[in-house]
C-alpha atoms as a PDB file:
ATOM      1  CA  MET A   1      67.976   4.784 139.672  1.00  0.00           C
ATOM      2  CA  VAL A   2      71.277   5.566 141.391  1.00  0.00           C
ATOM      3  CA  ASP A   3      72.636   6.954 138.102  1.00  0.00           C
ATOM      4  CA  ILE A   4      69.473   8.878 137.181  1.00  0.00           C
ATOM      5  CA  LEU A   5      68.903  10.689 140.477  1.00  0.00           C
ATOM      6  CA  PRO A   6      72.044  12.889 140.415  1.00  0.00           C
ATOM      7  CA  PHE A   7      71.246  13.907 136.827  1.00  0.00           C
ATOM      8  CA  LYS A   8      67.691  14.803 137.827  1.00  0.00           C
ATOM      9  CA  ARG A   9      68.900  16.850 140.807  1.00  0.00           C
ATOM     10  CA  THR A  10      71.381  18.663 138.559  1.00  0.00           C
ATOM     11  CA  GLY A  11      68.516  19.483 136.208  1.00  0.00           C
ATOM     12  CA  LEU A  12      66.521  20.947 139.081  1.00  0.00           C
ATOM     13  CA  LEU A  13      69.569  22.941 140.142  1.00  0.00           C
ATOM     14  CA  ILE A  14      69.926  24.398 136.635  1.00  0.00           C
ATOM     15  CA  SER A  15      66.252  25.369 136.840  1.00  0.00           C
ATOM     16  CA  GLU A  16      66.933  27.288 140.056  1.00  0.00           C
ATOM     17  CA  ILE A  17      69.910  29.006 138.438  1.00  0.00           C
ATOM     18  CA  ASP A  18      67.580  30.052 135.616  1.00  0.00           C
ATOM     19  CA  ASP A  19      65.205  31.453 138.217  1.00  0.00           C
ATOM     20  CA  PHE A  20      68.050  33.504 139.673  1.00  0.00           C
ATOM     21  CA  PHE A  21      68.939  34.877 136.237  1.00  0.00           C
ATOM     22  CA  ASP A  22      65.269  35.751 135.707  1.00  0.00           C
ATOM     23  CA  LYS A  23      65.390  37.983 138.781  1.00  0.00           C
ATOM     24  CA  VAL A  24      68.537  39.759 137.604  1.00  0.00           C
ATOM     25  CA  SER A  25      66.944  40.393 134.223  1.00  0.00           C
ATOM     26  CA  GLU A  26      63.801  41.667 135.927  1.00  0.00           C
ATOM     27  CA  ALA A  27      65.801  44.000 138.170  1.00  0.00           C
ATOM     28  CA  ALA A  28      67.493  45.589 135.157  1.00  0.00           C
ATOM     29  CA  MET A  29      64.134  46.130 133.478  1.00  0.00           C
ATOM     30  CA  ILE A  30      62.782  47.726 136.652  1.00  0.00           C
ATOM     31  CA  VAL A  31      65.719  50.156 136.655  1.00  0.00           C
ATOM     32  CA  GLN A  32      65.054  51.174 133.076  1.00  0.00           C
ATOM     33  CA  ARG A  33      61.323  51.628 133.553  1.00  0.00           C
ATOM     34  CA  THR A  34      61.769  53.434 136.866  1.00  0.00           C
ATOM     35  CA  VAL A  35      64.189  55.996 135.466  1.00  0.00           C
ATOM     36  CA  LEU A  36      62.151  56.517 132.290  1.00  0.00           C
ATOM     37  CA  HIS A  37      59.048  57.126 134.377  1.00  0.00           C
ATOM     38  CA  TYR A  38      60.981  59.461 136.663  1.00  0.00           C
ATOM     39  CA  LEU A  39      62.190  61.495 133.683  1.00  0.00           C
ATOM     40  CA  ASP A  40      58.601  62.126 132.615  1.00  0.00           C
ATOM     41  CA  HIS A  41      56.737  62.252 135.916  1.00  0.00           C
ATOM     42  CA  GLY A  42      59.209  62.908 138.715  1.00  0.00           C
ATOM     43  CA  ALA A  43      58.919  61.336 142.169  1.00  0.00           C
ATOM     44  CA  ASP A  44      55.273  60.253 142.186  1.00  0.00           C
ATOM     45  CA  GLU A  45      53.609  57.223 143.784  1.00  0.00           C
ATOM     46  CA  GLU A  46      54.951  54.999 141.005  1.00  0.00           C
ATOM     47  CA  LEU A  47      58.476  55.455 142.349  1.00  0.00           C
ATOM     48  CA  ALA A  48      57.474  54.045 145.745  1.00  0.00           C
ATOM     49  CA  LYS A  49      55.888  51.040 144.007  1.00  0.00           C
ATOM     50  CA  ARG A  50      59.073  50.408 142.060  1.00  0.00           C
ATOM     51  CA  VAL A  51      61.092  50.433 145.284  1.00  0.00           C
ATOM     52  CA  GLU A  52      58.845  47.745 146.750  1.00  0.00           C
ATOM     53  CA  GLN A  53      58.974  45.777 143.504  1.00  0.00           C
ATOM     54  CA  ILE A  54      62.752  45.677 143.202  1.00  0.00           C
ATOM     55  CA  ARG A  55      63.222  44.860 146.894  1.00  0.00           C
ATOM     56  CA  ALA A  56      60.912  41.873 146.455  1.00  0.00           C
ATOM     57  CA  VAL A  57      62.968  40.776 143.455  1.00  0.00           C
ATOM     58  CA  GLU A  58      66.152  41.120 145.512  1.00  0.00           C
ATOM     59  CA  ASP A  59      64.719  39.068 148.383  1.00  0.00           C
ATOM     60  CA  ARG A  60      63.689  36.254 146.038  1.00  0.00           C
ATOM     61  CA  ALA A  61      67.033  36.282 144.226  1.00  0.00           C
ATOM     62  CA  ASP A  62      68.966  36.111 147.510  1.00  0.00           C
ATOM     63  CA  GLU A  63      66.824  33.189 148.644  1.00  0.00           C
ATOM     64  CA  VAL A  64      67.401  31.309 145.409  1.00  0.00           C
ATOM     65  CA  ARG A  65      71.158  31.957 145.386  1.00  0.00           C
ATOM     66  CA  ARG A  66      71.535  30.714 148.968  1.00  0.00           C
ATOM     67  CA  ASN A  67      69.581  27.575 148.107  1.00  0.00           C
ATOM     68  CA  ILE A  68      71.732  26.957 145.025  1.00  0.00           C
ATOM     69  CA  ALA A  69      74.932  27.158 147.065  1.00  0.00           C
ATOM     70  CA  ASN A  70      73.509  24.923 149.790  1.00  0.00           C
ATOM     71  CA  VAL A  71      72.367  22.245 147.340  1.00  0.00           C
ATOM     72  CA  MET A  72      75.649  22.280 145.418  1.00  0.00           C
ATOM     73  CA  TYR A  73      77.652  21.665 148.574  1.00  0.00           C
ATOM     74  CA  THR A  74      75.385  19.312 150.504  1.00  0.00           C
ATOM     75  CA  GLU A  75      74.525  17.102 147.530  1.00  0.00           C
ATOM     76  CA  MET A  76      77.925  17.391 145.826  1.00  0.00           C
ATOM     77  CA  LEU A  77      76.419  18.460 142.512  1.00  0.00           C
ATOM     78  CA  MET A  78      78.558  19.742 139.618  1.00  0.00           C
ATOM     79  CA  PRO A  79      81.799  19.182 141.609  1.00  0.00           C
ATOM     80  CA  ASP A  80      84.087  19.977 138.649  1.00  0.00           C
ATOM     81  CA  THR A  81      82.579  23.403 138.023  1.00  0.00           C
ATOM     82  CA  ARG A  82      81.113  24.274 141.441  1.00  0.00           C
ATOM     83  CA  GLY A  83      83.640  27.003 142.203  1.00  0.00           C
ATOM     84  CA  ASP A  84      83.227  28.582 138.768  1.00  0.00           C
ATOM     85  CA  VAL A  85      79.439  28.533 138.997  1.00  0.00           C
ATOM     86  CA  LEU A  86      79.323  30.066 142.467  1.00  0.00           C
ATOM     87  CA  SER A  87      81.818  32.751 141.445  1.00  0.00           C
ATOM     88  CA  LEU A  88      79.689  33.568 138.394  1.00  0.00           C
ATOM     89  CA  LEU A  89      76.525  33.811 140.477  1.00  0.00           C
ATOM     90  CA  HIS A  90      78.309  36.048 142.981  1.00  0.00           C
ATOM     91  CA  HIS A  91      79.364  38.523 140.303  1.00  0.00           C
ATOM     92  CA  VAL A  92      75.954  38.497 138.645  1.00  0.00           C
ATOM     93  CA  ASP A  93      74.415  39.141 142.053  1.00  0.00           C
ATOM     94  CA  ILE A  94      76.506  42.317 142.326  1.00  0.00           C
ATOM     95  CA  ILE A  95      74.685  43.664 139.280  1.00  0.00           C
ATOM     96  CA  LEU A  96      71.366  42.919 140.960  1.00  0.00           C
ATOM     97  CA  ASP A  97      72.558  44.749 144.086  1.00  0.00           C
ATOM     98  CA  ASN A  98      73.561  47.714 141.942  1.00  0.00           C
ATOM     99  CA  CYS A  99      70.092  47.778 140.366  1.00  0.00           C
ATOM    100  CA  VAL A 100      68.529  47.895 143.822  1.00  0.00           C
ATOM    101  CA  HIS A 101      70.849  50.703 144.930  1.00  0.00           C
ATOM    102  CA  LEU A 102      70.004  52.712 141.826  1.00  0.00           C
ATOM    103  CA  VAL A 103      66.269  52.571 142.427  1.00  0.00           C
ATOM    104  CA  LEU A 104      66.614  53.230 146.163  1.00  0.00           C
ATOM    105  CA  GLY A 105      69.048  56.070 145.505  1.00  0.00           C
ATOM    106  CA  LEU A 106      66.677  57.649 143.021  1.00  0.00           C
ATOM    107  CA  ALA A 107      63.839  57.462 145.540  1.00  0.00           C
ATOM    108  CA  MET A 108      65.969  59.030 148.288  1.00  0.00           C
ATOM    109  CA  GLU A 109      67.915  61.696 146.395  1.00  0.00           C
ATOM    110  CA  ARG A 110      65.344  62.558 143.711  1.00  0.00           C
ATOM    111  CA  PRO A 111      67.869  64.368 141.493  1.00  0.00           C
ATOM    112  CA  GLU A 112      66.553  67.006 139.124  1.00  0.00           C
ATOM    113  CA  LEU A 113      67.598  65.796 135.686  1.00  0.00           C
ATOM    114  CA  PRO A 114      68.154  68.677 133.263  1.00  0.00           C
ATOM    115  CA  ASN A 115      66.311  68.714 129.943  1.00  0.00           C
ATOM    116  CA  LEU A 116      69.624  69.053 128.125  1.00  0.00           C
ATOM    117  CA  HIS A 117      70.484  65.387 128.728  1.00  0.00           C
ATOM    118  CA  ARG A 118      67.168  63.600 129.072  1.00  0.00           C
ATOM    119  CA  ASP A 119      67.398  62.102 125.589  1.00  0.00           C
ATOM    120  CA  GLY A 120      70.908  60.983 126.422  1.00  0.00           C
ATOM    121  CA  PHE A 121      69.688  59.304 129.601  1.00  0.00           C
ATOM    122  CA  ARG A 122      67.069  57.414 127.621  1.00  0.00           C
ATOM    123  CA  LYS A 123      69.583  56.223 125.046  1.00  0.00           C
ATOM    124  CA  MET A 124      72.105  55.229 127.683  1.00  0.00           C
ATOM    125  CA  LEU A 125      69.459  53.348 129.665  1.00  0.00           C
ATOM    126  CA  ALA A 126      68.548  51.354 126.560  1.00  0.00           C
ATOM    127  CA  GLU A 127      72.180  50.350 126.000  1.00  0.00           C
ATOM    128  CA  VAL A 128      72.724  49.516 129.671  1.00  0.00           C
ATOM    129  CA  ASP A 129      69.609  47.361 129.771  1.00  0.00           C
ATOM    130  CA  GLN A 130      70.697  45.526 126.617  1.00  0.00           C
ATOM    131  CA  ALA A 131      74.156  44.894 128.070  1.00  0.00           C
ATOM    132  CA  VAL A 132      72.630  43.290 131.168  1.00  0.00           C
ATOM    133  CA  GLN A 133      70.011  41.302 129.247  1.00  0.00           C
ATOM    134  CA  VAL A 134      72.603  39.912 126.834  1.00  0.00           C
ATOM    135  CA  MET A 135      74.865  39.091 129.784  1.00  0.00           C
ATOM    136  CA  VAL A 136      72.034  37.101 131.370  1.00  0.00           C
ATOM    137  CA  SER A 137      71.480  35.249 128.086  1.00  0.00           C
ATOM    138  CA  GLY A 138      75.203  34.514 127.882  1.00  0.00           C
ATOM    139  CA  ALA A 139      75.231  33.216 131.444  1.00  0.00           C
ATOM    140  CA  ARG A 140      72.359  30.870 130.627  1.00  0.00           C
ATOM    141  CA  ALA A 141      74.189  29.720 127.500  1.00  0.00           C
ATOM    142  CA  TYR A 142      77.222  28.767 129.590  1.00  0.00           C
ATOM    143  CA  PHE A 143      75.176  25.895 131.047  1.00  0.00           C
ATOM    144  CA  THR A 144      73.519  24.764 127.821  1.00  0.00           C
ATOM    145  CA  GLU A 145      75.552  25.930 124.798  1.00  0.00           C
ATOM    146  CA  PRO A 146      78.988  27.062 125.993  1.00  0.00           C
ATOM    147  CA  GLN A 147      80.186  27.267 122.398  1.00  0.00           C
ATOM    148  CA  SER A 148      77.800  30.203 121.824  1.00  0.00           C
ATOM    149  CA  VAL A 149      79.056  32.275 124.767  1.00  0.00           C
ATOM    150  CA  ARG A 150      81.586  34.120 122.602  1.00  0.00           C
ATOM    151  CA  ASP A 151      78.807  35.671 120.516  1.00  0.00           C
ATOM    152  CA  TYR A 152      77.102  36.989 123.647  1.00  0.00           C
ATOM    153  CA  VAL A 153      80.363  38.397 124.972  1.00  0.00           C
ATOM    154  CA  HIS A 154      80.852  40.364 121.749  1.00  0.00           C
ATOM    155  CA  LYS A 155      77.361  41.867 122.020  1.00  0.00           C
ATOM    156  CA  ILE A 156      77.807  42.767 125.700  1.00  0.00           C
ATOM    157  CA  ARG A 157      81.001  44.623 124.839  1.00  0.00           C
ATOM    158  CA  PHE A 158      79.260  46.534 122.060  1.00  0.00           C
ATOM    159  CA  HIS A 159      76.434  47.739 124.302  1.00  0.00           C
ATOM    160  CA  ASN A 160      78.905  48.685 127.038  1.00  0.00           C
ATOM    161  CA  GLN A 161      80.929  50.765 124.600  1.00  0.00           C
ATOM    162  CA  GLU A 162      77.776  52.505 123.380  1.00  0.00           C
ATOM    163  CA  ALA A 163      76.644  53.243 126.943  1.00  0.00           C
ATOM    164  CA  THR A 164      80.091  54.605 127.808  1.00  0.00           C
ATOM    165  CA  ALA A 165      80.164  56.896 124.769  1.00  0.00           C
ATOM    166  CA  ILE A 166      76.713  58.285 125.548  1.00  0.00           C
ATOM    167  CA  GLY A 167      77.639  58.731 129.204  1.00  0.00           C
ATOM    168  CA  LEU A 168      80.806  60.666 128.343  1.00  0.00           C
ATOM    169  CA  LYS A 169      78.859  62.982 126.054  1.00  0.00           C
ATOM    170  CA  GLY A 170      76.234  63.493 128.743  1.00  0.00           C
ATOM    171  CA  GLY A 171      78.863  64.245 131.351  1.00  0.00           C
ATOM    172  CA  SER A 172      80.394  66.890 129.124  1.00  0.00           C
ATOM    173  CA  LEU A 173      77.010  68.513 128.576  1.00  0.00           C
ATOM    174  CA  ILE A 174      76.382  68.594 132.306  1.00  0.00           C
ATOM    175  CA  PHE A 175      79.727  70.195 133.151  1.00  0.00           C
ATOM    176  CA  ASP A 176      79.417  72.684 130.293  1.00  0.00           C
ATOM    177  CA  SER A 177      76.045  73.827 131.644  1.00  0.00           C
ATOM    178  CA  ASP A 178      75.291  76.590 134.131  1.00  0.00           C
ATOM    179  CA  LEU A 179      74.133  74.167 136.812  1.00  0.00           C
ATOM    180  CA  PRO A 180      75.555  74.632 140.315  1.00  0.00           C
ATOM    181  CA  LEU A 181      78.652  72.524 140.977  1.00  0.00           C
ATOM    182  CA  GLU A 182      76.912  70.367 143.595  1.00  0.00           C
ATOM    183  CA  ARG A 183      74.240  69.401 141.059  1.00  0.00           C
ATOM    184  CA  LYS A 184      76.857  68.690 138.422  1.00  0.00           C
ATOM    185  CA  LEU A 185      78.658  66.342 140.799  1.00  0.00           C
ATOM    186  CA  GLN A 186      75.430  64.623 141.848  1.00  0.00           C
ATOM    187  CA  LEU A 187      74.400  64.058 138.233  1.00  0.00           C
ATOM    188  CA  ARG A 188      77.890  62.871 137.281  1.00  0.00           C
ATOM    189  CA  ASP A 189      77.900  60.290 140.056  1.00  0.00           C
ATOM    190  CA  TRP A 190      74.425  59.124 139.145  1.00  0.00           C
ATOM    191  CA  LEU A 191      75.333  58.931 135.458  1.00  0.00           C
ATOM    192  CA  ILE A 192      78.383  56.820 136.263  1.00  0.00           C
ATOM    193  CA  GLU A 193      76.367  54.523 138.526  1.00  0.00           C
ATOM    194  CA  VAL A 194      73.900  53.788 135.734  1.00  0.00           C
ATOM    195  CA  ARG A 195      76.681  53.331 133.171  1.00  0.00           C
ATOM    196  CA  ASP A 196      78.564  50.986 135.491  1.00  0.00           C
ATOM    197  CA  LEU A 197      75.773  48.395 135.154  1.00  0.00           C
ATOM    198  CA  ALA A 198      76.917  47.911 131.559  1.00  0.00           C
ATOM    199  CA  SER A 199      80.575  47.965 132.592  1.00  0.00           C
ATOM    200  CA  ASN A 200      79.966  45.269 135.212  1.00  0.00           C
ATOM    201  CA  ALA A 201      78.044  43.209 132.668  1.00  0.00           C
ATOM    202  CA  ASP A 202      81.066  43.484 130.358  1.00  0.00           C
ATOM    203  CA  ASP A 203      83.354  42.229 133.144  1.00  0.00           C
ATOM    204  CA  ILE A 204      81.065  39.228 133.625  1.00  0.00           C
ATOM    205  CA  GLY A 205      81.208  38.667 129.873  1.00  0.00           C
ATOM    206  CA  ASP A 206      84.982  38.359 130.145  1.00  0.00           C
ATOM    207  CA  GLN A 207      84.519  35.856 132.965  1.00  0.00           C
ATOM    208  CA  LEU A 208      82.009  33.883 130.890  1.00  0.00           C
ATOM    209  CA  ALA A 209      84.434  33.694 127.979  1.00  0.00           C
ATOM    210  CA  ILE A 210      87.076  32.116 130.217  1.00  0.00           C
ATOM    211  CA  LEU A 211      84.615  29.719 131.851  1.00  0.00           C
ATOM    212  CA  ALA A 212      83.294  28.607 128.459  1.00  0.00           C
ATOM    213  CA  VAL A 213      86.833  27.819 127.278  1.00  0.00           C
ATOM    214  CA  LYS A 214      87.466  25.808 130.458  1.00  0.00           C
ATOM    215  CA  ARG A 215      84.357  23.745 129.773  1.00  0.00           C
ATOM    216  CA  SER A 216      85.474  22.982 126.244  1.00  0.00           C
ATOM    217  CA  VAL A 217      88.918  21.600 127.116  1.00  0.00           C
END
């Protein structure tokens, strides 16, 4: 029983880490659906519901992450990789925070998105969401199939590059338009903030690649 108990507790810890990743994935999906709805319907009552929804996701994710850290330290679980795991969770949590800020910022600022780039927003959102979802899958794989992490990293990079290309094109369209400068700057900042979700996911992909190599040696 002495040998089985630590293994069982580690299994429960992995389950909690999965729960945390679920919340990050959910937050990214909320961002995509919130912005898509906003493009079609503006700031209606749905936007307020999405704010409440993503804040609840954030609260649950923070609770789970604190519990993971507490259990890892107090019960001395996964001592060889504890620092790597906590660092990974910290960086993934930044993406969740960014998702929350995006939805809250949209609800507060309510930018008027020009028709000239609405299709571009939709395409970029799809690529950004895929980058985050693949990153989450790669993070899960680090614990179960570290040898497969490289494939996920390649896909994250692809979606990030696509999101960046679409964002650059959209930015050019915005600054070539007749919009007032203050609106151009607001839309540029908002465009970059959305795109940066994919960029941050790509950075985590690089981290995952290194961590997976460390596990294999």
